[in-house]
Amino acid sequence: MRTELPPTTSDVSRRDLTLDLARVTAVCFVVIVHLLQVGVGWGPDGSLITSRPAEMQPWFDAATWFGQIMPLFFVVGGFASAAGWATWRSRGGDARGFVRSRTLRLAQPALPLFVFVAVVLVAAAAIGVDPSLVDAAVVGVGMPLWFLAAYLLCQAVVPLAARWHERAPRGTLVMLLAAVVAVDAVRFLSGIEELGYLNLLFVWPLIQQLGFWYRDGWFDRRSAVSLLALATSCYLVVGAVVVWGPYSDNMLANLNPPTLPLVLFGLAQACLLRLAKPALTVLMRTRLAQGVVFAIGSRLMTVYLWHLPVILIISGIALLIPGAAPAPASPQWWATRPLVFLATAIVLGLLSLILIRFEALGDLPPAPGSVILAIAWFCAFLPPFAVTLQGMNTVLAVGGAVLYTASVVLLRRGRRRRAS
């Protein structure tokens, strides 16, 4: 019986390292943004203060136009997914095995996080920790988990999306764009915000599709002037729909539910990435840049999933050290952010030495049947989607730990061999 195809050996000389750099940069931006959004410290009167200092600043909404680079991550992810699917098929792999491996790459790193949060919340309730303080912490922990739901959807449709791209690349973009606009229109006209989450099915897969075009060389064939004009046009259209339409000028507010501006950001950022490629290529020829990108990129899911818990733990420890936890948004608080970032990076590095094993798949048996695969995928998708809708709580943390355990077990077990 055929066994699961082993991963190919990565040949750095044939990789576009600028894409690895873009992916790592996007996640590092997320860490920095969240670092500036977590304010925990002592007020002048000695009371404990929790706030989101960055969001209190008059420049914050404008800064989100630069800081919202998650669309770029999905563009780069689309490139990698298209390349991975092509390689998988060339080696005789099928869609079931591909989706299984991609789901497992997301489910395994998420499992220890849900277990950790579940244990902490149950223990906090048992010892009587102030519920308001716990709620403030778990909301922060759950904030980035929307990505798991969105990326699981994107990875599940790669084989189908790649087929659509091969047969009708322009038609696929038009169809998905029309669906994005339709969902936004129904959401805003009806006033039912929850309807906007239907765009998880369209916004991120559409941005992923732009990554397919990037891999095909469409952006390579455009002149620098054309790319700059297209990127500028995208930002002008976003400005127009913000000023005259229902969208927020805060690009983080347009994230969940996902909206049309994210699609335009994705296209603009793909153009800017291609414009910057010559300079980034020179940078990525240096050993230092390659080393940093590899060190972070090889544990990227660990960095993404655990950076907020680490930031919160460091903030909690600082409360116990005299003078180490100034009032949020104070000059002293801003001055200590580089130190907190450095401490976060060190702790994440040490933590990754333990958790990096969850990012490796190792040898796998043949992929499970379609029904088992669908159940395992749903077990991985449901917890982060529920957290996106409701925010993290004890029930979702414990439920997520159970479902992710089931997902990983089902995915790693694979198809049973028939008795001969």
Protein backbone atom coordinates (compact mmCIF):
# COMPACT_ATOMS: atom_id res chain seq x y z
CA MET A 1 0.00 0.00 0.00
CA ARG A 2 1.24 3.49 -0.87
CA THR A 3 2.44 5.49 2.10
CA GLU A 4 2.20 9.21 2.62
CA LEU A 5 4.65 11.07 0.42
CA PRO A 6 7.61 12.40 2.41
CA PRO A 7 8.35 16.14 2.23
CA THR A 8 10.82 17.22 -0.36
CA THR A 9 14.17 18.58 0.66
CA SER A 10 14.22 22.37 0.47
CA ASP A 11 16.78 23.70 -1.99
CA VAL A 12 17.57 27.22 -0.82
CA SER A 13 19.23 28.06 -4.13
CA ARG A 14 15.92 27.55 -5.97
CA ARG A 15 13.64 29.29 -3.46
CA ASP A 16 12.48 32.87 -3.73
CA LEU A 17 13.81 33.92 -0.35
CA THR A 18 12.09 37.30 -0.63
CA LEU A 19 8.80 35.49 -0.03
CA ASP A 20 10.18 33.88 3.13
CA LEU A 21 11.29 37.34 4.24
CA ALA A 22 7.81 38.75 3.53
CA ARG A 23 6.12 36.01 5.54
CA VAL A 24 8.43 36.48 8.53
CA THR A 25 8.07 40.27 8.32
CA ALA A 26 4.29 40.01 8.34
CA VAL A 27 4.28 37.94 11.53
CA CYS A 28 6.83 40.22 13.20
CA PHE A 29 4.58 43.17 12.39
CA VAL A 30 1.70 41.36 14.09
CA VAL A 31 3.84 40.84 17.20
CA ILE A 32 4.79 44.53 17.30
CA VAL A 33 1.19 45.71 16.83
CA HIS A 34 -0.06 43.44 19.59
CA LEU A 35 2.80 44.48 21.85
CA LEU A 36 1.57 48.08 21.56
CA GLN A 37 -2.00 47.02 22.23
CA VAL A 38 -1.34 45.27 25.54
CA GLY A 39 -1.21 47.79 28.36
CA VAL A 40 -0.93 46.38 31.87
CA GLY A 41 0.54 48.48 34.67
CA TRP A 42 0.09 50.42 37.87
CA GLY A 43 -1.68 53.78 37.86
CA PRO A 44 -0.51 56.84 39.86
CA ASP A 45 -2.93 55.88 42.66
CA GLY A 46 -1.58 52.33 42.83
CA SER A 47 -4.54 50.76 41.05
CA LEU A 48 -4.10 48.13 38.35
CA ILE A 49 -4.76 49.49 34.85
CA THR A 50 -5.41 47.44 31.71
CA SER A 51 -5.87 49.20 28.39
CA ARG A 52 -4.98 49.16 24.69
CA PRO A 53 -2.57 52.12 24.49
CA ALA A 54 -1.93 52.11 20.75
CA GLU A 55 -5.63 52.34 19.95
CA MET A 56 -5.88 55.42 22.16
CA GLN A 57 -3.46 57.38 19.97
CA PRO A 58 -4.74 59.83 17.33
CA TRP A 59 -2.39 58.32 14.73
CA PHE A 60 -3.53 54.72 15.24
CA ASP A 61 -6.16 54.50 12.47
CA ALA A 62 -3.73 55.93 9.91
CA ALA A 63 -1.00 53.56 11.13
CA THR A 64 -3.20 50.54 10.45
CA TRP A 65 -2.93 51.32 6.72
CA PHE A 66 0.75 50.40 7.04
CA GLY A 67 0.50 47.85 9.84
CA GLN A 68 -2.26 45.75 8.30
CA ILE A 69 -0.10 43.41 6.26
CA MET A 70 -1.90 40.13 6.83
CA PRO A 71 -3.17 40.25 3.21
CA LEU A 72 0.48 40.02 2.15
CA PHE A 73 0.84 36.87 4.25
CA PHE A 74 -2.04 35.26 2.34
CA VAL A 75 -0.59 36.35 -1.00
CA VAL A 76 2.72 34.73 -0.10
CA GLY A 77 0.81 31.75 1.28
CA GLY A 78 -0.99 31.43 -2.05
CA PHE A 79 2.34 31.33 -3.88
CA ALA A 80 3.65 28.65 -1.50
CA SER A 81 0.42 26.64 -1.69
CA ALA A 82 0.37 26.66 -5.48
CA ALA A 83 4.02 25.57 -5.58
CA GLY A 84 3.43 22.94 -2.92
CA TRP A 85 0.38 21.54 -4.71
CA ALA A 86 2.26 21.36 -8.02
CA THR A 87 5.13 19.50 -6.36
CA TRP A 88 2.72 17.21 -4.52
CA ARG A 89 0.95 16.26 -7.75
CA SER A 90 4.24 15.73 -9.62
CA ARG A 91 5.18 13.15 -7.01
CA GLY A 92 1.91 11.27 -7.34
CA GLY A 93 0.07 12.82 -4.40
CA ASP A 94 -3.67 13.40 -4.32
CA ALA A 95 -5.86 16.18 -2.94
CA ARG A 96 -6.76 14.22 0.19
CA GLY A 97 -3.14 13.76 1.22
CA PHE A 98 -2.32 17.40 0.49
CA VAL A 99 -5.21 18.77 2.58
CA ARG A 100 -4.34 16.33 5.36
CA SER A 101 -0.74 17.52 5.56
CA ARG A 102 -1.68 21.20 5.39
CA THR A 103 -4.34 20.81 8.08
CA LEU A 104 -1.93 18.96 10.32
CA ARG A 105 0.67 21.72 9.93
CA LEU A 106 -1.84 24.11 11.48
CA ALA A 107 -3.54 21.78 13.97
CA GLN A 108 -0.42 20.42 15.64
CA PRO A 109 1.04 23.80 16.71
CA ALA A 110 -2.40 24.98 17.88
CA LEU A 111 -3.00 21.94 20.11
CA PRO A 112 -0.57 22.86 22.93
CA LEU A 113 -1.86 26.43 22.96
CA PHE A 114 -5.47 25.35 23.55
CA VAL A 115 -4.36 22.86 26.19
CA PHE A 116 -2.29 25.53 27.95
CA VAL A 117 -5.11 28.11 27.93
CA ALA A 118 -7.65 25.52 29.10
CA VAL A 119 -5.44 24.50 32.04
CA VAL A 120 -4.75 28.11 33.02
CA LEU A 121 -8.42 29.14 32.88
CA VAL A 122 -9.64 26.13 34.84
CA ALA A 123 -6.92 26.69 37.44
CA ALA A 124 -7.68 30.43 37.64
CA ALA A 125 -11.36 29.70 38.28
CA ALA A 126 -10.45 27.11 40.92
CA ILE A 127 -8.24 29.47 42.93
CA GLY A 128 -10.59 32.46 42.57
CA VAL A 129 -8.57 34.84 40.36
CA ASP A 130 -10.43 38.08 39.59
CA PRO A 131 -12.70 37.19 36.60
CA SER A 132 -12.34 40.66 35.04
CA LEU A 133 -8.56 40.28 34.93
CA VAL A 134 -8.87 36.78 33.45
CA ASP A 135 -11.33 38.00 30.83
CA ALA A 136 -8.97 40.80 29.75
CA ALA A 137 -6.14 38.30 29.37
CA VAL A 138 -8.01 35.59 27.46
CA VAL A 139 -9.49 38.08 25.01
CA GLY A 140 -5.94 38.98 24.09
CA VAL A 141 -4.86 35.36 23.78
CA GLY A 142 -7.75 34.59 21.45
CA MET A 143 -7.30 37.66 19.25
CA PRO A 144 -4.95 36.13 16.64
CA LEU A 145 -6.80 32.83 16.33
CA TRP A 146 -9.01 34.05 13.48
CA PHE A 147 -5.99 33.28 11.31
CA LEU A 148 -6.30 29.54 11.96
CA ALA A 149 -9.89 29.47 10.74
CA ALA A 150 -9.13 31.58 7.66
CA TYR A 151 -5.98 29.70 6.70
CA LEU A 152 -7.56 26.29 7.24
CA LEU A 153 -10.27 27.30 4.76
CA CYS A 154 -7.70 28.51 2.26
CA GLN A 155 -5.61 25.36 2.52
CA ALA A 156 -8.64 23.10 2.16
CA VAL A 157 -9.60 24.67 -1.18
CA VAL A 158 -6.09 24.79 -2.72
CA PRO A 159 -6.59 21.76 -5.03
CA LEU A 160 -9.93 23.10 -6.26
CA ALA A 161 -8.72 26.71 -6.46
CA ALA A 162 -5.65 25.62 -8.41
CA ARG A 163 -7.86 23.82 -10.91
CA TRP A 164 -10.04 26.92 -11.31
CA HIS A 165 -6.92 29.02 -11.77
CA GLU A 166 -5.65 26.73 -14.52
CA ARG A 167 -8.97 26.73 -16.39
CA ALA A 168 -10.25 30.28 -15.86
CA PRO A 169 -7.85 32.51 -13.90
CA ARG A 170 -9.65 35.78 -14.64
CA GLY A 171 -13.09 34.29 -14.23
CA THR A 172 -12.12 32.89 -10.82
CA LEU A 173 -11.00 36.32 -9.60
CA VAL A 174 -14.18 37.96 -10.90
CA MET A 175 -16.40 35.32 -9.31
CA LEU A 176 -14.72 35.61 -5.92
CA LEU A 177 -14.68 39.41 -6.07
CA ALA A 178 -18.38 39.51 -6.89
CA ALA A 179 -19.05 37.25 -3.90
CA VAL A 180 -17.00 39.53 -1.61
CA VAL A 181 -18.94 42.61 -2.70
CA ALA A 182 -22.28 40.79 -2.41
CA VAL A 183 -21.59 39.61 1.14
CA ASP A 184 -20.46 43.09 2.21
CA ALA A 185 -23.56 44.63 0.64
CA VAL A 186 -25.94 42.22 2.39
CA ARG A 187 -24.14 42.68 5.68
CA PHE A 188 -24.22 46.48 5.67
CA LEU A 189 -27.71 46.80 4.21
CA SER A 190 -29.18 44.32 6.70
CA GLY A 191 -27.18 45.52 9.66
CA ILE A 192 -26.47 41.91 10.62
CA GLU A 193 -22.74 41.92 11.34
CA GLU A 194 -22.51 38.15 11.60
CA LEU A 195 -23.34 37.79 7.90
CA GLY A 196 -19.97 39.34 7.17
CA TYR A 197 -18.24 36.15 8.29
CA LEU A 198 -19.44 34.50 5.10
CA ASN A 199 -16.57 36.40 3.53
CA LEU A 200 -14.18 34.00 5.18
CA LEU A 201 -15.16 31.85 2.20
CA PHE A 202 -14.28 34.54 -0.33
CA VAL A 203 -11.93 37.30 0.90
CA TRP A 204 -8.97 35.18 1.98
CA PRO A 205 -9.29 32.61 -0.84
CA LEU A 206 -9.37 35.53 -3.29
CA ILE A 207 -6.20 37.00 -1.79
CA GLN A 208 -4.66 33.52 -1.88
CA GLN A 209 -5.56 33.41 -5.57
CA LEU A 210 -3.44 36.53 -6.09
CA GLY A 211 -0.53 34.43 -4.85
CA PHE A 212 -1.23 31.99 -7.69
CA TRP A 213 -0.92 34.89 -10.14
CA TYR A 214 2.31 35.96 -8.44
CA ARG A 215 3.75 32.48 -8.94
CA ASP A 216 2.67 32.49 -12.59
CA GLY A 217 4.82 35.58 -13.15
CA TRP A 218 1.99 38.04 -13.84
CA PHE A 219 3.53 40.63 -11.52
CA ASP A 220 6.99 39.94 -12.98
CA ARG A 221 5.70 40.91 -16.42
CA ARG A 222 4.42 44.30 -15.27
CA SER A 223 6.68 47.35 -15.41
CA ALA A 224 7.62 49.21 -12.25
CA VAL A 225 5.41 52.12 -13.32
CA SER A 226 2.45 49.79 -13.85
CA LEU A 227 2.92 48.11 -10.49
CA LEU A 228 3.19 51.43 -8.70
CA ALA A 229 0.12 52.77 -10.50
CA LEU A 230 -1.88 49.65 -9.65
CA ALA A 231 -0.89 49.79 -5.98
CA THR A 232 -1.72 53.49 -5.81
CA SER A 233 -5.09 52.87 -7.46
CA CYS A 234 -5.90 50.18 -4.90
CA TYR A 235 -5.20 52.52 -1.99
CA LEU A 236 -7.24 55.29 -3.64
CA VAL A 237 -10.19 52.93 -4.06
CA VAL A 238 -9.91 51.90 -0.41
CA GLY A 239 -9.91 55.58 0.51
CA ALA A 240 -13.02 56.12 -1.59
CA VAL A 241 -14.98 53.23 -0.08
CA VAL A 242 -13.95 54.40 3.39
CA VAL A 243 -15.01 58.01 2.80
CA TRP A 244 -18.19 57.33 0.82
CA GLY A 245 -18.89 53.75 1.80
CA PRO A 246 -19.60 51.80 5.00
CA TYR A 247 -16.04 50.68 5.72
CA SER A 248 -13.93 51.77 8.67
CA ASP A 249 -10.77 53.81 8.17
CA ASN A 250 -9.20 51.52 10.77
CA MET A 251 -7.92 48.57 8.74
CA LEU A 252 -7.89 46.31 11.78
CA ALA A 253 -11.63 46.91 12.11
CA ASN A 254 -12.03 45.63 8.54
CA LEU A 255 -10.35 42.35 9.51
CA ASN A 256 -13.13 40.48 11.27
CA PRO A 257 -15.44 40.10 9.51
CA PRO A 258 -13.12 40.36 6.48
CA THR A 259 -14.09 42.96 3.90
CA LEU A 260 -13.33 44.30 0.43
CA PRO A 261 -10.52 46.67 1.56
CA LEU A 262 -8.43 43.64 2.53
CA VAL A 263 -8.61 42.37 -1.05
CA LEU A 264 -7.42 45.72 -2.37
CA PHE A 265 -4.66 45.77 0.23
CA GLY A 266 -3.61 42.29 -0.88
CA LEU A 267 -3.31 43.38 -4.51
CA ALA A 268 -1.45 46.57 -3.58
CA GLN A 269 0.94 44.73 -1.28
CA ALA A 270 1.65 42.12 -3.96
CA CYS A 271 2.62 44.95 -6.31
CA LEU A 272 4.82 46.61 -3.70
CA LEU A 273 6.47 43.30 -2.86
CA ARG A 274 7.37 42.81 -6.52
CA LEU A 275 8.69 46.37 -6.71
CA ALA A 276 10.89 45.74 -3.67
CA LYS A 277 12.07 42.34 -4.90
CA PRO A 278 15.43 43.49 -6.35
CA ALA A 279 16.44 45.16 -3.08
CA LEU A 280 15.09 42.29 -0.99
CA THR A 281 16.95 39.79 -3.15
CA VAL A 282 20.24 41.57 -2.43
CA LEU A 283 19.41 41.55 1.28
CA MET A 284 18.56 37.84 1.25
CA ARG A 285 21.93 36.99 -0.28
CA THR A 286 23.55 37.80 3.07
CA ARG A 287 24.10 35.02 5.56
CA LEU A 288 22.75 37.13 8.41
CA ALA A 289 19.40 37.77 6.73
CA GLN A 290 19.08 34.13 5.70
CA GLY A 291 19.87 32.99 9.22
CA VAL A 292 17.33 35.31 10.86
CA VAL A 293 14.59 34.44 8.36
CA PHE A 294 15.26 30.71 8.71
CA ALA A 295 15.37 30.87 12.51
CA ILE A 296 12.01 32.64 12.71
CA GLY A 297 10.44 30.99 9.68
CA SER A 298 11.10 27.46 10.91
CA ARG A 299 8.99 28.18 14.02
CA LEU A 300 6.61 30.76 12.58
CA MET A 301 3.39 29.18 13.87
CA THR A 302 4.85 28.98 17.36
CA VAL A 303 5.78 32.67 17.22
CA TYR A 304 2.36 33.65 15.90
CA LEU A 305 0.27 31.54 18.27
CA TRP A 306 2.27 32.13 21.44
CA HIS A 307 3.41 35.75 21.21
CA LEU A 308 0.36 37.18 22.99
CA PRO A 309 0.41 34.68 25.88
CA VAL A 310 4.12 35.45 26.29
CA ILE A 311 3.49 39.21 26.22
CA LEU A 312 0.78 38.82 28.86
CA ILE A 313 2.97 36.62 31.06
CA ILE A 314 5.85 39.10 30.84
CA SER A 315 3.44 41.93 31.67
CA GLY A 316 2.19 39.97 34.69
CA ILE A 317 5.73 39.33 35.95
CA ALA A 318 6.55 43.03 35.51
CA LEU A 319 3.73 43.85 37.93
CA LEU A 320 5.70 42.09 40.65
CA ILE A 321 8.87 44.11 40.02
CA PRO A 322 8.88 47.65 41.50
CA GLY A 323 8.96 50.23 38.72
CA ALA A 324 8.80 47.68 35.91
CA ALA A 325 5.13 48.18 35.10
CA PRO A 326 4.45 51.90 34.45
CA ALA A 327 0.97 53.16 33.70
CA PRO A 328 -0.06 52.16 30.17
CA ALA A 329 0.36 54.90 27.54
CA SER A 330 2.60 56.93 29.83
CA PRO A 331 5.99 58.13 28.50
CA GLN A 332 7.67 55.54 30.71
CA TRP A 333 5.46 52.81 29.26
CA TRP A 334 6.37 53.72 25.68
CA ALA A 335 10.05 53.86 26.61
CA THR A 336 9.96 50.30 27.95
CA ARG A 337 8.40 48.76 24.80
CA PRO A 338 11.75 47.90 23.16
CA LEU A 339 12.77 46.03 26.33
CA VAL A 340 9.48 44.17 26.42
CA PHE A 341 9.89 43.28 22.74
CA LEU A 342 13.39 41.95 23.42
CA ALA A 343 12.14 39.93 26.39
CA THR A 344 9.28 38.57 24.28
CA ALA A 345 11.68 37.52 21.54
CA ILE A 346 13.96 35.74 24.02
CA VAL A 347 11.11 33.89 25.73
CA LEU A 348 9.57 32.90 22.39
CA GLY A 349 12.96 31.62 21.25
CA LEU A 350 13.32 29.48 24.36
CA LEU A 351 9.73 28.31 24.19
CA SER A 352 10.14 27.33 20.56
CA LEU A 353 12.89 24.89 21.52
CA ILE A 354 10.14 22.85 23.16
CA LEU A 355 7.24 23.58 20.82
CA ILE A 356 9.01 23.38 17.47
CA ARG A 357 8.42 19.63 17.45
CA PHE A 358 4.72 20.38 16.94
CA GLU A 359 5.57 22.10 13.64
CA ALA A 360 7.21 18.98 12.21
CA LEU A 361 5.06 16.28 10.61
CA GLY A 362 7.57 13.44 10.48
CA ASP A 363 6.61 10.18 8.76
CA LEU A 364 2.89 9.77 8.13
CA PRO A 365 0.83 6.74 7.15
CA PRO A 366 -1.52 6.91 4.13
CA ALA A 367 -4.05 9.73 4.40
CA PRO A 368 -7.40 8.88 6.06
CA GLY A 369 -10.57 8.55 4.03
CA SER A 370 -12.53 11.59 2.95
CA VAL A 371 -15.08 11.36 5.78
CA ILE A 372 -12.44 11.08 8.51
CA LEU A 373 -10.44 13.89 6.89
CA ALA A 374 -13.53 16.13 6.82
CA ILE A 375 -14.24 15.41 10.49
CA ALA A 376 -10.62 16.10 11.46
CA TRP A 377 -10.59 19.34 9.45
CA PHE A 378 -13.85 20.49 11.07
CA CYS A 379 -12.45 19.72 14.54
CA ALA A 380 -9.53 22.02 13.71
CA PHE A 381 -11.68 24.75 12.14
CA LEU A 382 -14.48 25.03 14.71
CA PRO A 383 -12.53 26.23 17.81
CA PRO A 384 -10.74 29.22 16.22
CA PHE A 385 -13.89 30.17 14.32
CA ALA A 386 -15.91 30.11 17.56
CA VAL A 387 -13.21 32.17 19.29
CA THR A 388 -13.34 34.68 16.42
CA LEU A 389 -17.09 35.06 16.91
CA GLN A 390 -17.29 35.02 20.71
CA GLY A 391 -13.82 35.59 22.10
CA MET A 392 -11.86 33.07 24.15
CA ASN A 393 -13.42 31.66 27.31
CA THR A 394 -13.09 28.56 29.47
CA VAL A 395 -15.65 26.53 27.53
CA LEU A 396 -14.04 27.28 24.17
CA ALA A 397 -10.54 26.66 25.53
CA VAL A 398 -11.45 23.26 26.96
CA GLY A 399 -13.53 22.40 23.90
CA GLY A 400 -10.71 23.51 21.63
CA ALA A 401 -8.21 21.32 23.48
CA VAL A 402 -10.51 18.31 23.07
CA LEU A 403 -11.28 18.97 19.40
CA TYR A 404 -7.67 19.66 18.45
CA THR A 405 -6.59 16.48 20.18
CA ALA A 406 -9.18 14.59 18.14
CA SER A 407 -8.10 16.35 14.94
CA VAL A 408 -4.41 15.57 15.37
CA VAL A 409 -5.08 11.94 16.34
CA LEU A 410 -7.36 11.39 13.33
CA LEU A 411 -4.96 13.08 10.92
CA ARG A 412 -1.88 11.25 12.16
CA ARG A 413 -3.57 7.86 12.33
CA GLY A 414 -4.35 7.83 8.63
CA ARG A 415 -6.14 5.14 6.67
CA ARG A 416 -6.20 1.69 8.20
CA ARG A 417 -4.53 -1.04 6.24
CA ARG A 418 -6.79 -3.83 5.05
CA ALA A 419 -6.02 -7.32 6.20
CA SER A 420 -4.56 -9.38 3.38
